Amino acid sequence: SGSISDFVENHPTIKILALSFLLLIGFTLIIEGLHQHIPKGYIYFAMAFSVFVEMLNLKLRKKKTEPIKLRQEIPGE
């Protein structure tokens, strides 16, 4: 549990993803309560696609290099 909470704390986009999943599930429950049918495959695909995109984002952010210096350092600043 500690390692999971550390991971979530270090990656705030995971918190946003979890919140969006909760909103998606809540919206689905409300729609189901109004006797409208949403195929579960659509919900599962949306969630899986979101997780896939987030995994790509985490991998790409990990590979960032040092920022390029656009100007010389001025002594005394």
Protein backbone atom coordinates (compact mmCIF):
# COMPACT_ATOMS: atom_id res chain seq x y z
CA SER A 1 0.00 0.00 0.00
CA GLY A 2 2.85 2.40 0.75
CA SER A 3 4.49 1.91 -2.63
CA ILE A 4 1.20 2.47 -4.45
CA SER A 5 0.47 5.65 -2.51
CA ASP A 6 4.02 6.89 -3.21
CA PHE A 7 3.56 6.20 -6.93
CA VAL A 8 0.25 8.06 -7.02
CA GLU A 9 1.73 10.93 -5.01
CA ASN A 10 4.65 11.25 -7.45
CA HIS A 11 2.41 11.14 -10.54
CA PRO A 12 -0.53 13.54 -10.15
CA THR A 13 -1.94 12.59 -13.56
CA ILE A 14 -2.76 9.17 -12.08
CA LYS A 15 -4.99 10.95 -9.54
CA ILE A 16 -6.79 12.73 -12.38
CA LEU A 17 -7.17 9.44 -14.27
CA ALA A 18 -8.68 7.77 -11.18
CA LEU A 19 -11.06 10.69 -10.69
CA SER A 20 -12.16 10.50 -14.32
CA PHE A 21 -12.81 6.76 -13.91
CA LEU A 22 -14.99 7.49 -10.88
CA LEU A 23 -16.91 10.11 -12.86
CA LEU A 24 -17.33 7.70 -15.78
CA ILE A 25 -18.65 4.96 -13.50
CA GLY A 26 -20.97 7.40 -11.72
CA PHE A 27 -22.31 8.71 -15.02
CA THR A 28 -22.86 5.13 -16.20
CA LEU A 29 -24.78 4.28 -13.02
CA ILE A 30 -26.99 7.36 -13.42
CA ILE A 31 -27.75 6.49 -17.04
CA GLU A 32 -28.47 2.86 -16.09
CA GLY A 33 -30.80 4.17 -13.36
CA LEU A 34 -32.72 6.05 -16.06
CA HIS A 35 -33.19 2.72 -17.91
CA GLN A 36 -30.85 3.62 -20.76
CA HIS A 37 -28.37 0.98 -21.85
CA ILE A 38 -24.70 1.71 -22.48
CA PRO A 39 -22.77 -1.31 -23.76
CA LYS A 40 -20.12 -2.22 -21.20
CA GLY A 41 -17.58 -2.72 -23.99
CA TYR A 42 -17.61 1.02 -24.65
CA ILE A 43 -16.90 1.77 -21.00
CA TYR A 44 -14.13 -0.83 -20.74
CA PHE A 45 -12.54 0.33 -24.00
CA ALA A 46 -12.54 3.96 -22.87
CA MET A 47 -10.89 3.00 -19.58
CA ALA A 48 -8.31 0.72 -21.20
CA PHE A 49 -7.45 3.35 -23.81
CA SER A 50 -6.99 5.97 -21.09
CA VAL A 51 -4.66 3.71 -19.13
CA PHE A 52 -2.68 2.95 -22.31
CA VAL A 53 -2.25 6.65 -23.11
CA GLU A 54 -1.22 7.41 -19.53
CA MET A 55 1.40 4.63 -19.63
CA LEU A 56 2.81 6.14 -22.82
CA ASN A 57 2.91 9.58 -21.18
CA LEU A 58 4.74 8.21 -18.13
CA LYS A 59 7.33 6.49 -20.34
CA LEU A 60 7.90 9.59 -22.47
CA ARG A 61 8.22 11.88 -19.44
CA LYS A 62 10.79 9.54 -17.91
CA LYS A 63 13.06 9.92 -20.96
CA LYS A 64 13.30 13.72 -20.76
CA THR A 65 16.80 15.12 -21.01
CA GLU A 66 18.36 18.21 -19.49
CA PRO A 67 16.72 21.45 -20.64
CA ILE A 68 18.60 23.42 -23.28
CA LYS A 69 20.25 26.59 -22.00
CA LEU A 70 19.06 29.48 -24.15
CA ARG A 71 21.38 32.10 -22.74
CA GLN A 72 24.73 32.22 -21.03
CA GLU A 73 24.87 32.45 -17.29
CA ILE A 74 25.64 35.96 -16.07
CA PRO A 75 27.96 36.08 -13.05
CA GLY A 76 26.34 37.61 -10.00
CA GLU A 77 22.75 36.51 -10.71
